[in-house]
Amino acid sequence: MASPIITFTSDFGHEDWFVGVVHGVLYDLCPSARVVDLSHAVDPGDIERAAFILEAASPDFPVGTVHLAVVDPGVGTTRRALAVHSRGQLFVGPDNGILECSLADPDAEIRSLTEPRFFRLPVSRTFHGRDVFAPAAAHLAGGVPLESMGPRVSDPVRLARPPICWADGRLEGRVMLVDRFGNALTSLTTEAIGSAFPGIAESRLEVLLGGRHIQGIARSYGDAPIGTLVAIIGSSGRLEIAQVGGHAAQRFGFGKDDVVSIQAIR
């Protein structure tokens, strides 16, 4: 039997001991687990960015993976703790929208974590990542049934996402985040673009962002000279705006929530 995989995403950073002790709890309760750190560089309290990381990364993991996500500004309050089964995987985290990619699945099974026998006791007021979420993730990875974790939840907190819309002959979305390379990742997916412009070659599409017009969707960063602004479908299946060999966001002033649109070249 393959060792279970637990991914871990948080805003804990690496300067303190928080990530390390969560690893310790995971290995203590599920010694056979393989823990994969997706990111701990999320800005403190940035739930939306952590949710995007989960959405982008989870499809690349096998069925049975447990995804642990802790960005929890409401720790110690009455906010619920959740475990969700979605598309053959399990997701564990606070009920604040961070698990949006799993909650968007109409067939998701959502449970509230209410069973103290699956916690690390005593539960601290400020570190539920160690005392609630990590133990639950480890127990689930070790084979504890989801239904043992607590009652069903029918009203989880959902993360508001800007809609993709069609207006004036353009498909319109938003910049979701800027990555460490300065690329602007957008909400426009391959599927949305294909549905909006059936039969139209990518070279016949024009991308508009921040007053800039980009002709065509490139096949690779190397399709254009250094310094050129390009549009490309990134590894997460979303439209990205990048500067070849540079930091597009810094040079052109792109940022989160900026409007991006695509239209056919006439």
C-alpha atoms as a PDB file:
ATOM      1  CA  MET A   1       0.000   0.000   0.000  1.00  0.00           C
ATOM      2  CA  ALA A   2       1.385   3.415  -0.982  1.00  0.00           C
ATOM      3  CA  SER A   3       2.212   5.870   1.773  1.00  0.00           C
ATOM      4  CA  PRO A   4      -0.507   8.517   2.162  1.00  0.00           C
ATOM      5  CA  ILE A   5       0.250  12.036   0.927  1.00  0.00           C
ATOM      6  CA  ILE A   6      -0.566  15.106   3.014  1.00  0.00           C
ATOM      7  CA  THR A   7      -0.005  18.526   1.442  1.00  0.00           C
ATOM      8  CA  PHE A   8       0.409  21.538   3.689  1.00  0.00           C
ATOM      9  CA  THR A   9      -0.289  25.184   2.869  1.00  0.00           C
ATOM     10  CA  SER A  10      -0.155  28.035   5.392  1.00  0.00           C
ATOM     11  CA  ASP A  11       0.791  31.625   6.128  1.00  0.00           C
ATOM     12  CA  PHE A  12       3.245  30.509   8.827  1.00  0.00           C
ATOM     13  CA  GLY A  13       6.438  31.417   6.967  1.00  0.00           C
ATOM     14  CA  HIS A  14       9.728  29.706   7.806  1.00  0.00           C
ATOM     15  CA  GLU A  15      11.184  32.077  10.393  1.00  0.00           C
ATOM     16  CA  ASP A  16       9.501  30.368  13.360  1.00  0.00           C
ATOM     17  CA  TRP A  17       8.817  26.820  14.466  1.00  0.00           C
ATOM     18  CA  PHE A  18       5.163  26.606  13.418  1.00  0.00           C
ATOM     19  CA  VAL A  19       5.604  24.641  10.181  1.00  0.00           C
ATOM     20  CA  GLY A  20       8.012  22.252  11.861  1.00  0.00           C
ATOM     21  CA  VAL A  21       5.770  21.354  14.766  1.00  0.00           C
ATOM     22  CA  VAL A  22       2.816  20.763  12.436  1.00  0.00           C
ATOM     23  CA  HIS A  23       5.047  18.305  10.595  1.00  0.00           C
ATOM     24  CA  GLY A  24       5.829  16.709  13.945  1.00  0.00           C
ATOM     25  CA  VAL A  25       2.152  16.181  14.745  1.00  0.00           C
ATOM     26  CA  LEU A  26       1.482  14.743  11.289  1.00  0.00           C
ATOM     27  CA  TYR A  27       4.319  12.231  11.575  1.00  0.00           C
ATOM     28  CA  ASP A  28       3.452  11.353  15.174  1.00  0.00           C
ATOM     29  CA  LEU A  29      -0.098  10.377  14.226  1.00  0.00           C
ATOM     30  CA  CYS A  30       0.583   9.052  10.721  1.00  0.00           C
ATOM     31  CA  PRO A  31       4.233   7.918  10.586  1.00  0.00           C
ATOM     32  CA  SER A  32       3.906   6.546   7.060  1.00  0.00           C
ATOM     33  CA  ALA A  33       2.725   9.853   5.586  1.00  0.00           C
ATOM     34  CA  ARG A  34       4.645  11.829   2.985  1.00  0.00           C
ATOM     35  CA  VAL A  35       4.196  15.530   3.716  1.00  0.00           C
ATOM     36  CA  VAL A  36       4.448  17.918   0.771  1.00  0.00           C
ATOM     37  CA  ASP A  37       4.736  21.633   1.540  1.00  0.00           C
ATOM     38  CA  LEU A  38       2.892  23.574  -1.157  1.00  0.00           C
ATOM     39  CA  SER A  39       3.615  27.036   0.256  1.00  0.00           C
ATOM     40  CA  HIS A  40       4.126  28.795   3.575  1.00  0.00           C
ATOM     41  CA  ALA A  41       4.844  32.160   1.956  1.00  0.00           C
ATOM     42  CA  VAL A  42       1.200  33.229   1.863  1.00  0.00           C
ATOM     43  CA  ASP A  43       0.868  36.721   3.340  1.00  0.00           C
ATOM     44  CA  PRO A  44      -0.612  36.618   6.856  1.00  0.00           C
ATOM     45  CA  GLY A  45      -4.372  36.241   6.647  1.00  0.00           C
ATOM     46  CA  ASP A  46      -4.513  36.081   2.842  1.00  0.00           C
ATOM     47  CA  ILE A  47      -7.223  33.423   2.588  1.00  0.00           C
ATOM     48  CA  GLU A  48      -7.866  34.044  -1.098  1.00  0.00           C
ATOM     49  CA  ARG A  49      -4.260  33.402  -2.130  1.00  0.00           C
ATOM     50  CA  ALA A  50      -4.118  30.176  -0.125  1.00  0.00           C
ATOM     51  CA  ALA A  51      -7.397  29.063  -1.709  1.00  0.00           C
ATOM     52  CA  PHE A  52      -5.963  29.778  -5.156  1.00  0.00           C
ATOM     53  CA  ILE A  53      -2.855  27.724  -4.368  1.00  0.00           C
ATOM     54  CA  LEU A  54      -5.034  24.773  -3.386  1.00  0.00           C
ATOM     55  CA  GLU A  55      -7.171  25.158  -6.500  1.00  0.00           C
ATOM     56  CA  ALA A  56      -4.119  25.268  -8.758  1.00  0.00           C
ATOM     57  CA  ALA A  57      -2.172  22.469  -7.086  1.00  0.00           C
ATOM     58  CA  SER A  58      -4.674  19.854  -5.921  1.00  0.00           C
ATOM     59  CA  PRO A  59      -5.491  18.420  -9.380  1.00  0.00           C
ATOM     60  CA  ASP A  60      -1.847  17.342  -9.730  1.00  0.00           C
ATOM     61  CA  PHE A  61      -2.088  14.992  -6.726  1.00  0.00           C
ATOM     62  CA  PRO A  62      -3.491  11.457  -6.732  1.00  0.00           C
ATOM     63  CA  VAL A  63      -6.797  10.259  -5.399  1.00  0.00           C
ATOM     64  CA  GLY A  64      -6.601   9.847  -1.630  1.00  0.00           C
ATOM     65  CA  THR A  65      -4.382  12.873  -1.022  1.00  0.00           C
ATOM     66  CA  VAL A  66      -5.200  14.906   2.091  1.00  0.00           C
ATOM     67  CA  HIS A  67      -4.765  18.679   1.694  1.00  0.00           C
ATOM     68  CA  LEU A  68      -4.138  20.584   4.928  1.00  0.00           C
ATOM     69  CA  ALA A  69      -4.596  24.358   4.626  1.00  0.00           C
ATOM     70  CA  VAL A  70      -4.198  26.777   7.521  1.00  0.00           C
ATOM     71  CA  VAL A  71      -4.684  30.503   7.047  1.00  0.00           C
ATOM     72  CA  ASP A  72      -6.816  31.183  10.069  1.00  0.00           C
ATOM     73  CA  PRO A  73      -7.319  34.768  11.230  1.00  0.00           C
ATOM     74  CA  GLY A  74     -10.437  33.574  13.101  1.00  0.00           C
ATOM     75  CA  VAL A  75      -8.561  31.076  15.285  1.00  0.00           C
ATOM     76  CA  GLY A  76     -10.060  30.877  18.753  1.00  0.00           C
ATOM     77  CA  THR A  77     -13.452  32.234  17.668  1.00  0.00           C
ATOM     78  CA  THR A  78     -16.649  30.325  16.928  1.00  0.00           C
ATOM     79  CA  ARG A  79     -15.618  29.686  13.301  1.00  0.00           C
ATOM     80  CA  ARG A  80     -15.930  26.006  12.449  1.00  0.00           C
ATOM     81  CA  ALA A  81     -13.206  23.577  11.457  1.00  0.00           C
ATOM     82  CA  LEU A  82     -13.938  21.505   8.340  1.00  0.00           C
ATOM     83  CA  ALA A  83     -12.986  18.343   6.534  1.00  0.00           C
ATOM     84  CA  VAL A  84     -14.251  17.932   2.981  1.00  0.00           C
ATOM     85  CA  HIS A  85     -14.265  15.017   0.554  1.00  0.00           C
ATOM     86  CA  SER A  86     -14.161  16.220  -3.042  1.00  0.00           C
ATOM     87  CA  ARG A  87     -13.161  14.521  -6.294  1.00  0.00           C
ATOM     88  CA  GLY A  88     -11.498  11.645  -4.476  1.00  0.00           C
ATOM     89  CA  GLN A  89      -9.382  13.853  -2.213  1.00  0.00           C
ATOM     90  CA  LEU A  90      -9.753  15.238   1.309  1.00  0.00           C
ATOM     91  CA  PHE A  91      -9.362  18.856   2.395  1.00  0.00           C
ATOM     92  CA  VAL A  92      -8.905  20.062   5.979  1.00  0.00           C
ATOM     93  CA  GLY A  93      -8.945  23.664   7.205  1.00  0.00           C
ATOM     94  CA  PRO A  94     -10.941  26.473   8.799  1.00  0.00           C
ATOM     95  CA  ASP A  95     -14.422  27.383   7.622  1.00  0.00           C
ATOM     96  CA  ASN A  96     -13.421  30.706   6.093  1.00  0.00           C
ATOM     97  CA  GLY A  97     -13.396  30.001   2.353  1.00  0.00           C
ATOM     98  CA  ILE A  98      -9.885  28.595   2.138  1.00  0.00           C
ATOM     99  CA  LEU A  99     -11.284  25.248   0.943  1.00  0.00           C
ATOM    100  CA  GLU A 100     -13.317  26.861  -1.855  1.00  0.00           C
ATOM    101  CA  CYS A 101     -12.008  24.562  -4.587  1.00  0.00           C
ATOM    102  CA  SER A 102     -13.469  21.561  -2.764  1.00  0.00           C
ATOM    103  CA  LEU A 103     -16.672  23.336  -1.721  1.00  0.00           C
ATOM    104  CA  ALA A 104     -17.342  24.202  -5.372  1.00  0.00           C
ATOM    105  CA  ASP A 105     -17.817  20.490  -6.089  1.00  0.00           C
ATOM    106  CA  PRO A 106     -21.585  19.842  -6.041  1.00  0.00           C
ATOM    107  CA  ASP A 107     -20.908  16.299  -4.802  1.00  0.00           C
ATOM    108  CA  ALA A 108     -18.634  17.375  -1.931  1.00  0.00           C
ATOM    109  CA  GLU A 109     -19.204  15.855   1.500  1.00  0.00           C
ATOM    110  CA  ILE A 110     -18.527  18.456   4.191  1.00  0.00           C
ATOM    111  CA  ARG A 111     -18.035  17.642   7.868  1.00  0.00           C
ATOM    112  CA  SER A 112     -17.433  19.779  10.935  1.00  0.00           C
ATOM    113  CA  LEU A 113     -14.458  18.712  13.067  1.00  0.00           C
ATOM    114  CA  THR A 114     -16.072  18.267  16.477  1.00  0.00           C
ATOM    115  CA  GLU A 115     -14.624  15.036  17.876  1.00  0.00           C
ATOM    116  CA  PRO A 116     -11.999  15.798  20.566  1.00  0.00           C
ATOM    117  CA  ARG A 117     -10.560  12.278  20.243  1.00  0.00           C
ATOM    118  CA  PHE A 118      -9.104  13.397  16.916  1.00  0.00           C
ATOM    119  CA  PHE A 119      -7.530  16.555  18.389  1.00  0.00           C
ATOM    120  CA  ARG A 120      -4.210  17.170  20.110  1.00  0.00           C
ATOM    121  CA  LEU A 121      -5.182  17.963  23.676  1.00  0.00           C
ATOM    122  CA  PRO A 122      -5.290  20.419  25.266  1.00  0.00           C
ATOM    123  CA  VAL A 123      -6.300  22.547  22.285  1.00  0.00           C
ATOM    124  CA  SER A 124      -4.589  25.937  22.415  1.00  0.00           C
ATOM    125  CA  ARG A 125      -6.523  29.122  21.744  1.00  0.00           C
ATOM    126  CA  THR A 126      -4.104  30.308  19.072  1.00  0.00           C
ATOM    127  CA  PHE A 127      -2.665  27.264  17.261  1.00  0.00           C
ATOM    128  CA  HIS A 128      -5.456  25.141  15.808  1.00  0.00           C
ATOM    129  CA  GLY A 129      -3.135  24.301  12.927  1.00  0.00           C
ATOM    130  CA  ARG A 130      -1.203  22.099  15.340  1.00  0.00           C
ATOM    131  CA  ASP A 131      -4.008  21.010  17.669  1.00  0.00           C
ATOM    132  CA  VAL A 132      -7.077  20.580  15.433  1.00  0.00           C
ATOM    133  CA  PHE A 133      -6.320  20.613  11.715  1.00  0.00           C
ATOM    134  CA  ALA A 134      -3.055  18.654  11.636  1.00  0.00           C
ATOM    135  CA  PRO A 135      -4.387  15.814  13.828  1.00  0.00           C
ATOM    136  CA  ALA A 136      -7.540  15.578  11.733  1.00  0.00           C
ATOM    137  CA  ALA A 137      -5.513  15.466   8.516  1.00  0.00           C
ATOM    138  CA  ALA A 138      -3.238  12.784   9.944  1.00  0.00           C
ATOM    139  CA  HIS A 139      -6.131  10.626  11.146  1.00  0.00           C
ATOM    140  CA  LEU A 140      -7.856  10.916   7.769  1.00  0.00           C
ATOM    141  CA  ALA A 141      -4.617   9.988   5.977  1.00  0.00           C
ATOM    142  CA  GLY A 142      -4.344   7.000   8.293  1.00  0.00           C
ATOM    143  CA  GLY A 143      -7.759   5.721   7.271  1.00  0.00           C
ATOM    144  CA  VAL A 144     -10.215   7.180   9.793  1.00  0.00           C
ATOM    145  CA  PRO A 145     -13.556   7.590   7.968  1.00  0.00           C
ATOM    146  CA  LEU A 146     -14.641  11.136   7.228  1.00  0.00           C
ATOM    147  CA  GLU A 147     -18.018  10.597   8.896  1.00  0.00           C
ATOM    148  CA  SER A 148     -16.230   9.933  12.202  1.00  0.00           C
ATOM    149  CA  MET A 149     -14.960  13.508  12.299  1.00  0.00           C
ATOM    150  CA  GLY A 150     -18.304  15.146  13.040  1.00  0.00           C
ATOM    151  CA  PRO A 151     -21.692  16.126  11.623  1.00  0.00           C
ATOM    152  CA  ARG A 152     -22.429  17.194   8.071  1.00  0.00           C
ATOM    153  CA  VAL A 153     -22.279  20.875   7.189  1.00  0.00           C
ATOM    154  CA  SER A 154     -24.677  22.368   4.649  1.00  0.00           C
ATOM    155  CA  ASP A 155     -23.724  26.040   4.905  1.00  0.00           C
ATOM    156  CA  PRO A 156     -19.933  26.396   4.688  1.00  0.00           C
ATOM    157  CA  VAL A 157     -18.403  29.836   4.223  1.00  0.00           C
ATOM    158  CA  ARG A 158     -17.840  30.348   0.508  1.00  0.00           C
ATOM    159  CA  LEU A 159     -15.163  32.521  -1.041  1.00  0.00           C
ATOM    160  CA  ALA A 160     -16.525  35.197  -3.338  1.00  0.00           C
ATOM    161  CA  ARG A 161     -14.869  34.953  -6.732  1.00  0.00           C
ATOM    162  CA  PRO A 162     -15.110  37.591  -9.450  1.00  0.00           C
ATOM    163  CA  PRO A 163     -17.261  36.222 -12.264  1.00  0.00           C
ATOM    164  CA  ILE A 164     -16.037  35.600 -15.770  1.00  0.00           C
ATOM    165  CA  CYS A 165     -18.390  37.505 -18.044  1.00  0.00           C
ATOM    166  CA  TRP A 166     -18.986  38.359 -21.681  1.00  0.00           C
ATOM    167  CA  ALA A 167     -19.372  42.045 -22.464  1.00  0.00           C
ATOM    168  CA  ASP A 168     -19.134  44.012 -25.703  1.00  0.00           C
ATOM    169  CA  GLY A 169     -17.540  41.136 -27.593  1.00  0.00           C
ATOM    170  CA  ARG A 170     -14.930  40.525 -24.901  1.00  0.00           C
ATOM    171  CA  LEU A 171     -14.413  37.750 -22.369  1.00  0.00           C
ATOM    172  CA  GLU A 172     -13.629  39.528 -19.106  1.00  0.00           C
ATOM    173  CA  GLY A 173     -11.962  38.272 -15.934  1.00  0.00           C
ATOM    174  CA  ARG A 174      -9.605  39.442 -13.213  1.00  0.00           C
ATOM    175  CA  VAL A 175      -6.006  39.057 -12.105  1.00  0.00           C
ATOM    176  CA  MET A 176      -6.134  36.554  -9.247  1.00  0.00           C
ATOM    177  CA  LEU A 177      -2.550  36.866  -8.037  1.00  0.00           C
ATOM    178  CA  VAL A 178       0.964  37.855  -9.021  1.00  0.00           C
ATOM    179  CA  ASP A 179       3.522  35.070  -8.613  1.00  0.00           C
ATOM    180  CA  ARG A 180       7.145  35.445  -7.518  1.00  0.00           C
ATOM    181  CA  PHE A 181       8.253  35.830 -11.154  1.00  0.00           C
ATOM    182  CA  GLY A 182       5.974  38.829 -11.605  1.00  0.00           C
ATOM    183  CA  ASN A 183       3.487  36.977 -13.797  1.00  0.00           C
ATOM    184  CA  ALA A 184      -0.171  37.991 -13.467  1.00  0.00           C
ATOM    185  CA  LEU A 185      -2.313  34.841 -13.150  1.00  0.00           C
ATOM    186  CA  THR A 186      -5.888  35.452 -14.189  1.00  0.00           C
ATOM    187  CA  SER A 187      -9.283  33.880 -13.645  1.00  0.00           C
ATOM    188  CA  LEU A 188      -9.609  33.107 -17.379  1.00  0.00           C
ATOM    189  CA  THR A 189      -9.191  29.369 -17.845  1.00  0.00           C
ATOM    190  CA  THR A 190      -8.441  27.366 -20.959  1.00  0.00           C
ATOM    191  CA  GLU A 191     -12.009  26.056 -20.885  1.00  0.00           C
ATOM    192  CA  ALA A 192     -13.559  29.521 -20.622  1.00  0.00           C
ATOM    193  CA  ILE A 193     -11.441  30.870 -23.481  1.00  0.00           C
ATOM    194  CA  GLY A 194     -12.186  27.876 -25.691  1.00  0.00           C
ATOM    195  CA  SER A 195     -15.924  28.150 -25.058  1.00  0.00           C
ATOM    196  CA  ALA A 196     -15.971  31.882 -25.773  1.00  0.00           C
ATOM    197  CA  PHE A 197     -13.945  31.686 -28.979  1.00  0.00           C
ATOM    198  CA  PRO A 198     -14.662  28.307 -30.603  1.00  0.00           C
ATOM    199  CA  GLY A 199     -12.653  27.657 -33.741  1.00  0.00           C
ATOM    200  CA  ILE A 200     -10.575  30.817 -33.362  1.00  0.00           C
ATOM    201  CA  ALA A 201      -6.807  30.275 -33.312  1.00  0.00           C
ATOM    202  CA  GLU A 202      -4.937  31.608 -30.263  1.00  0.00           C
ATOM    203  CA  SER A 203      -2.879  33.751 -32.621  1.00  0.00           C
ATOM    204  CA  ARG A 204      -6.117  35.569 -33.570  1.00  0.00           C
ATOM    205  CA  LEU A 205      -6.925  36.611 -29.998  1.00  0.00           C
ATOM    206  CA  GLU A 206      -6.002  39.901 -28.370  1.00  0.00           C
ATOM    207  CA  VAL A 207      -5.494  40.262 -24.606  1.00  0.00           C
ATOM    208  CA  LEU A 208      -6.056  43.600 -22.871  1.00  0.00           C
ATOM    209  CA  LEU A 209      -4.710  44.441 -19.418  1.00  0.00           C
ATOM    210  CA  GLY A 210      -3.819  47.768 -17.847  1.00  0.00           C
ATOM    211  CA  GLY A 211      -4.082  49.645 -21.140  1.00  0.00           C
ATOM    212  CA  ARG A 212      -1.760  47.170 -22.871  1.00  0.00           C
ATOM    213  CA  HIS A 213      -2.789  45.195 -25.952  1.00  0.00           C
ATOM    214  CA  ILE A 214      -1.123  41.813 -26.478  1.00  0.00           C
ATOM    215  CA  GLN A 215      -1.516  40.189 -29.870  1.00  0.00           C
ATOM    216  CA  GLY A 216      -2.055  36.434 -29.691  1.00  0.00           C
ATOM    217  CA  ILE A 217      -1.480  33.868 -26.965  1.00  0.00           C
ATOM    218  CA  ALA A 218       2.117  32.628 -27.013  1.00  0.00           C
ATOM    219  CA  ARG A 219       3.047  28.962 -26.924  1.00  0.00           C
ATOM    220  CA  SER A 220       6.132  29.576 -24.767  1.00  0.00           C
ATOM    221  CA  TYR A 221       8.080  32.375 -23.097  1.00  0.00           C
ATOM    222  CA  GLY A 222      10.738  31.921 -25.755  1.00  0.00           C
ATOM    223  CA  ASP A 223       8.355  32.920 -28.548  1.00  0.00           C
ATOM    224  CA  ALA A 224       9.218  36.598 -28.043  1.00  0.00           C
ATOM    225  CA  PRO A 225      12.360  38.680 -27.399  1.00  0.00           C
ATOM    226  CA  ILE A 226      13.554  39.568 -23.889  1.00  0.00           C
ATOM    227  CA  GLY A 227      11.448  42.350 -22.393  1.00  0.00           C
ATOM    228  CA  THR A 228       8.342  41.583 -24.441  1.00  0.00           C
ATOM    229  CA  LEU A 229       4.967  41.368 -22.727  1.00  0.00           C
ATOM    230  CA  VAL A 230       3.267  38.072 -23.584  1.00  0.00           C
ATOM    231  CA  ALA A 231       0.036  36.258 -22.807  1.00  0.00           C
ATOM    232  CA  ILE A 232       0.387  32.530 -22.223  1.00  0.00           C
ATOM    233  CA  ILE A 233      -1.619  29.625 -20.828  1.00  0.00           C
ATOM    234  CA  GLY A 234       0.293  28.679 -17.669  1.00  0.00           C
ATOM    235  CA  SER A 235       0.726  25.325 -15.999  1.00  0.00           C
ATOM    236  CA  SER A 236      -2.425  25.825 -13.905  1.00  0.00           C
ATOM    237  CA  GLY A 237      -4.554  26.074 -17.053  1.00  0.00           C
ATOM    238  CA  ARG A 238      -5.131  29.821 -16.699  1.00  0.00           C
ATOM    239  CA  LEU A 239      -4.201  32.795 -18.807  1.00  0.00           C
ATOM    240  CA  GLU A 240      -1.064  34.519 -17.504  1.00  0.00           C
ATOM    241  CA  ILE A 241       0.508  37.825 -18.478  1.00  0.00           C
ATOM    242  CA  ALA A 242       4.299  37.791 -18.299  1.00  0.00           C
ATOM    243  CA  GLN A 243       7.328  39.770 -19.365  1.00  0.00           C
ATOM    244  CA  VAL A 244       9.958  37.623 -21.053  1.00  0.00           C
ATOM    245  CA  GLY A 245      12.988  37.746 -18.788  1.00  0.00           C
ATOM    246  CA  GLY A 246      11.428  40.326 -16.454  1.00  0.00           C
ATOM    247  CA  HIS A 247       8.852  41.148 -13.786  1.00  0.00           C
ATOM    248  CA  ALA A 248       5.657  42.174 -15.585  1.00  0.00           C
ATOM    249  CA  ALA A 249       3.803  43.354 -12.490  1.00  0.00           C
ATOM    250  CA  GLN A 250       6.563  45.723 -11.421  1.00  0.00           C
ATOM    251  CA  ARG A 251       7.294  47.086 -14.881  1.00  0.00           C
ATOM    252  CA  PHE A 252       3.705  47.605 -15.998  1.00  0.00           C
ATOM    253  CA  GLY A 253       1.947  48.066 -12.656  1.00  0.00           C
ATOM    254  CA  PHE A 254      -0.328  45.029 -12.870  1.00  0.00           C
ATOM    255  CA  GLY A 255      -1.938  43.842  -9.650  1.00  0.00           C
ATOM    256  CA  LYS A 256      -4.580  41.671  -8.060  1.00  0.00           C
ATOM    257  CA  ASP A 257      -8.172  42.349  -9.173  1.00  0.00           C
ATOM    258  CA  ASP A 258      -7.134  44.246 -12.316  1.00  0.00           C
ATOM    259  CA  VAL A 259      -9.564  43.626 -15.178  1.00  0.00           C
ATOM    260  CA  VAL A 260      -8.235  41.469 -18.012  1.00  0.00           C
ATOM    261  CA  SER A 261     -10.138  40.766 -21.217  1.00  0.00           C
ATOM    262  CA  ILE A 262      -9.806  38.839 -24.460  1.00  0.00           C
ATOM    263  CA  GLN A 263     -11.322  39.596 -27.845  1.00  0.00           C
ATOM    264  CA  ALA A 264     -10.994  38.208 -31.325  1.00  0.00           C
ATOM    265  CA  ILE A 265      -8.798  40.215 -33.689  1.00  0.00           C
ATOM    266  CA  ARG A 266     -10.959  41.543 -36.500  1.00  0.00           C
END
